[in-house]
């Protein structure tokens, strides 16, 4: 339960950071710089363990991560720094789906447990996957219901939430795969209850760009 409280606290802290980022573009810029630096540092640490002394693969992997994180940050910057309330609400909606996916998976996984989902991540269970979808669908739809005049979706909202939640879970498994290859439990220790920055934003890293692409179609 202590771990759950820490995760909720960290999630609330991140939502506060998002709010401050909307209110102040300099704060947003600074936050993205710090986020990128810490994320790249964690990626580089993992690559150094996986590709022991293979400098070319370490450099290439880190370079690709920098390109992706830069693109991710640009998307966040454009949407949160926008003068359009529609774009701001859209990115908040996507962030909320990703956070709810992570929280739902953790809660159901801890309370129900059950059969393991994959060997990539021993802590992932089928009940956790169900919780991820349920949390994102229920609370995500409530957010949509009250903000729907600012959200322009070309597909059914429930289908949209399911797709983004699924992609977010894929992002989580990708980072878990890297950790398994590196034989480490967490990508870092900076966030109480989560571990490293990548432990917290793993689903967001994949869910946000894909969600934005889905909205744009």
Protein backbone atom coordinates (compact mmCIF):
# COMPACT_ATOMS: atom_id res chain seq x y z
CA UNK A 1 0.00 0.00 0.00
CA UNK A 2 2.90 2.36 0.71
CA UNK A 3 4.06 1.85 -2.85
CA UNK A 4 0.59 2.74 -4.16
CA UNK A 5 0.50 5.93 -2.08
CA UNK A 6 3.93 6.90 -3.42
CA UNK A 7 2.77 6.27 -7.00
CA UNK A 8 -0.38 8.36 -6.51
CA UNK A 9 1.65 11.15 -4.90
CA UNK A 10 4.14 11.14 -7.77
CA UNK A 11 1.31 11.14 -10.33
CA UNK A 12 -0.32 14.13 -8.60
CA UNK A 13 3.05 15.89 -8.56
CA UNK A 14 3.43 15.31 -12.30
CA UNK A 15 -0.09 16.67 -12.91
CA UNK A 16 0.87 19.79 -10.91
CA UNK A 17 3.96 20.14 -13.10
CA UNK A 18 1.74 19.87 -16.19
CA UNK A 19 -0.54 22.58 -14.80
CA UNK A 20 2.41 24.89 -14.12
CA UNK A 21 3.75 24.10 -17.60
CA UNK A 22 0.46 25.28 -19.13
CA UNK A 23 0.57 28.48 -17.11
CA UNK A 24 4.21 29.32 -17.76
CA UNK A 25 6.11 28.58 -20.99
CA UNK A 26 9.52 29.07 -19.33
CA UNK A 27 8.63 26.49 -16.68
CA UNK A 28 7.52 24.12 -19.46
CA UNK A 29 10.77 24.63 -21.36
CA UNK A 30 12.87 24.05 -18.24
CA UNK A 31 10.88 20.97 -17.30
CA UNK A 32 11.33 19.43 -20.76
CA UNK A 33 15.08 20.11 -20.69
CA UNK A 34 15.43 18.38 -17.30
CA UNK A 35 13.14 15.53 -18.40
CA UNK A 36 15.21 14.94 -21.54
CA UNK A 37 18.52 15.07 -19.69
CA UNK A 38 17.44 12.57 -17.04
CA UNK A 39 15.76 10.25 -19.57
CA UNK A 40 18.78 10.22 -21.88
CA UNK A 41 21.07 9.57 -18.90
CA UNK A 42 18.96 6.57 -17.89
CA UNK A 43 18.82 5.25 -21.46
CA UNK A 44 22.59 5.64 -21.80
CA UNK A 45 23.16 3.79 -18.52
CA UNK A 46 21.00 0.89 -19.73
CA UNK A 47 22.73 0.75 -23.12
CA UNK A 48 26.15 0.67 -21.46
CA UNK A 49 25.08 -2.40 -19.50
CA UNK A 50 23.46 -4.15 -22.47
CA UNK A 51 26.17 -3.35 -25.03
CA UNK A 52 29.18 -3.76 -22.76
CA UNK A 53 32.13 -1.84 -24.23
CA UNK A 54 30.52 -1.78 -27.70
CA UNK A 55 30.79 1.99 -28.16
CA UNK A 56 29.18 2.01 -31.60
CA UNK A 57 25.94 0.37 -30.41
CA UNK A 58 25.92 2.53 -27.29
CA UNK A 59 26.32 5.68 -29.39
CA UNK A 60 23.73 4.61 -31.98
CA UNK A 61 21.14 3.60 -29.40
CA UNK A 62 21.66 6.80 -27.40
CA UNK A 63 21.47 8.91 -30.57
CA UNK A 64 18.16 7.30 -31.60
CA UNK A 65 16.81 7.86 -28.08
CA UNK A 66 17.82 11.53 -28.22
CA UNK A 67 16.01 11.96 -31.57
CA UNK A 68 12.87 10.29 -30.24
CA UNK A 69 12.87 12.22 -26.95
CA UNK A 70 13.39 15.48 -28.84
CA UNK A 71 10.39 14.70 -31.06
CA UNK A 72 8.34 13.73 -28.00
CA UNK A 73 9.28 16.98 -26.24
CA UNK A 74 8.40 19.05 -29.31
CA UNK A 75 4.94 17.49 -29.36
CA UNK A 76 4.44 18.31 -25.67
CA UNK A 77 5.79 21.85 -26.20
CA UNK A 78 3.57 22.58 -29.21
CA UNK A 79 0.41 21.32 -27.54
CA UNK A 80 0.90 22.68 -24.00
CA UNK A 81 2.29 26.01 -25.23
CA UNK A 82 -0.57 26.42 -27.68
CA UNK A 83 -3.08 29.26 -27.59
CA UNK A 84 -5.74 26.72 -28.56
CA UNK A 85 -7.63 25.28 -25.62
CA UNK A 86 -8.49 22.28 -27.81
CA UNK A 87 -4.83 21.29 -28.17
CA UNK A 88 -4.15 21.75 -24.45
CA UNK A 89 -7.15 19.63 -23.45
CA UNK A 90 -6.18 17.00 -26.04
CA UNK A 91 -2.68 16.50 -24.61
CA UNK A 92 -4.05 16.45 -21.03
CA UNK A 93 -6.57 13.81 -22.13
CA UNK A 94 -3.77 11.65 -23.57
CA UNK A 95 -1.62 12.09 -20.47
CA UNK A 96 -4.56 11.15 -18.27
CA UNK A 97 -5.20 7.96 -20.25
CA UNK A 98 -1.54 6.94 -19.91
CA UNK A 99 -1.43 7.69 -16.18
CA UNK A 100 -4.72 5.85 -15.56
CA UNK A 101 -3.42 2.89 -17.57
CA UNK A 102 -0.34 2.68 -15.34
CA UNK A 103 -2.30 3.18 -12.10
CA UNK A 104 -5.04 0.70 -13.03
CA UNK A 105 -2.47 -1.93 -13.94
CA UNK A 106 -0.65 -1.46 -10.64
CA UNK A 107 -3.81 -1.53 -8.48
CA UNK A 108 -5.39 -4.60 -10.10
CA UNK A 109 -2.05 -6.36 -10.32
CA UNK A 110 -1.45 -5.91 -6.59
CA UNK A 111 -5.01 -6.61 -5.40
CA UNK A 112 -5.87 -9.51 -7.70
CA UNK A 113 -2.57 -10.80 -9.07
CA UNK A 114 -2.97 -13.99 -11.06
CA UNK A 115 -1.39 -15.35 -14.21
CA UNK A 116 1.65 -13.53 -15.55
CA UNK A 117 1.16 -11.68 -18.82
CA UNK A 118 4.66 -12.09 -20.23
CA UNK A 119 8.17 -13.15 -19.26
CA UNK A 120 9.43 -9.70 -20.30
CA UNK A 121 8.01 -8.19 -17.13
CA UNK A 122 7.31 -10.64 -14.26
CA UNK A 123 5.13 -8.09 -12.46
CA UNK A 124 2.69 -7.72 -15.36
CA UNK A 125 -0.46 -9.85 -15.04
CA UNK A 126 -3.67 -10.33 -17.01
CA UNK A 127 -5.59 -8.77 -14.12
CA UNK A 128 -3.26 -5.77 -14.30
CA UNK A 129 -3.94 -5.42 -18.02
CA UNK A 130 -7.68 -5.54 -17.29
CA UNK A 131 -7.24 -2.87 -14.62
CA UNK A 132 -5.32 -0.68 -17.06
CA UNK A 133 -8.18 -0.76 -19.54
CA UNK A 134 -10.90 -0.33 -16.91
CA UNK A 135 -9.29 2.65 -15.17
CA UNK A 136 -8.53 4.43 -18.44
CA UNK A 137 -12.00 3.72 -19.85
CA UNK A 138 -13.99 4.76 -16.77
CA UNK A 139 -12.09 7.86 -15.68
CA UNK A 140 -10.94 8.75 -19.19
CA UNK A 141 -14.53 8.73 -20.41
CA UNK A 142 -15.63 10.92 -17.48
CA UNK A 143 -12.98 13.47 -18.48
CA UNK A 144 -14.14 13.29 -22.09
CA UNK A 145 -17.79 13.70 -21.05
CA UNK A 146 -17.09 16.99 -19.27
CA UNK A 147 -14.62 18.29 -21.87
CA UNK A 148 -16.04 16.82 -25.08
CA UNK A 149 -16.71 20.20 -26.69
CA UNK A 150 -12.94 20.77 -26.66
CA UNK A 151 -12.00 17.28 -27.87
CA UNK A 152 -12.19 16.56 -31.58
CA UNK A 153 -12.02 12.81 -32.24
CA UNK A 154 -12.70 11.13 -35.57
CA UNK A 155 -13.29 7.73 -33.95
CA UNK A 156 -15.42 6.47 -31.08
CA UNK A 157 -14.01 7.78 -27.79
CA UNK A 158 -14.06 4.37 -26.08
CA UNK A 159 -12.15 2.80 -28.98
CA UNK A 160 -9.73 5.74 -28.86
CA UNK A 161 -9.08 5.22 -25.13
CA UNK A 162 -8.58 1.46 -25.59
CA UNK A 163 -6.06 2.00 -28.41
CA UNK A 164 -4.04 4.64 -26.53
CA UNK A 165 -4.11 2.54 -23.34
CA UNK A 166 -2.89 -0.50 -25.30
CA UNK A 167 -0.04 1.48 -26.91
CA UNK A 168 0.85 2.89 -23.48
CA UNK A 169 1.11 -0.67 -22.14
CA UNK A 170 3.35 -1.59 -25.07
CA UNK A 171 5.61 1.34 -24.10
CA UNK A 172 5.72 0.01 -20.55
CA UNK A 173 6.73 -3.45 -21.80
CA UNK A 174 9.44 -1.97 -24.05
CA UNK A 175 11.18 -0.31 -21.11
CA UNK A 176 10.68 -3.51 -19.09
CA UNK A 177 12.41 -5.40 -21.91
CA UNK A 178 15.39 -3.05 -21.74
CA UNK A 179 15.56 -3.45 -17.96
CA UNK A 180 15.38 -7.23 -18.27
CA UNK A 181 18.20 -7.22 -20.81
CA UNK A 182 20.27 -5.01 -18.49
CA UNK A 183 19.23 -7.11 -15.45
CA UNK A 184 18.14 -4.10 -13.39
CA UNK A 185 14.92 -3.57 -11.41
CA UNK A 186 14.46 0.18 -12.03
CA UNK A 187 15.91 2.66 -14.50
CA UNK A 188 16.81 4.97 -11.60
CA UNK A 189 15.85 6.08 -8.09
CA UNK A 190 14.77 9.69 -8.54
CA UNK A 191 10.99 9.11 -8.20
CA UNK A 192 9.67 7.54 -4.95
CA UNK A 193 7.45 4.55 -5.64
CA UNK A 194 8.39 4.44 -9.31
CA UNK A 195 12.17 4.29 -9.67
CA UNK A 196 13.62 6.33 -12.49
CA UNK A 197 12.12 8.80 -14.94
CA UNK A 198 11.71 6.09 -17.59
CA UNK A 199 9.86 3.91 -15.07
CA UNK A 200 7.28 6.68 -14.84
CA UNK A 201 7.01 7.90 -18.43
CA UNK A 202 7.51 4.57 -20.23
CA UNK A 203 3.87 4.35 -21.34
CA UNK A 204 3.63 8.11 -21.92
CA UNK A 205 6.62 8.07 -24.28
CA UNK A 206 4.77 5.84 -26.72
CA UNK A 207 1.16 6.72 -25.89
CA UNK A 208 1.39 10.49 -26.43
CA UNK A 209 2.91 10.53 -29.96
CA UNK A 210 0.61 7.72 -31.14
CA UNK A 211 -2.41 9.43 -29.56
CA UNK A 212 -1.56 12.74 -31.24
CA UNK A 213 -1.22 10.90 -34.56
CA UNK A 214 -4.62 9.28 -33.98
CA UNK A 215 -6.23 12.64 -33.22
CA UNK A 216 -4.69 14.19 -36.32
CA UNK A 217 -6.03 11.55 -38.72
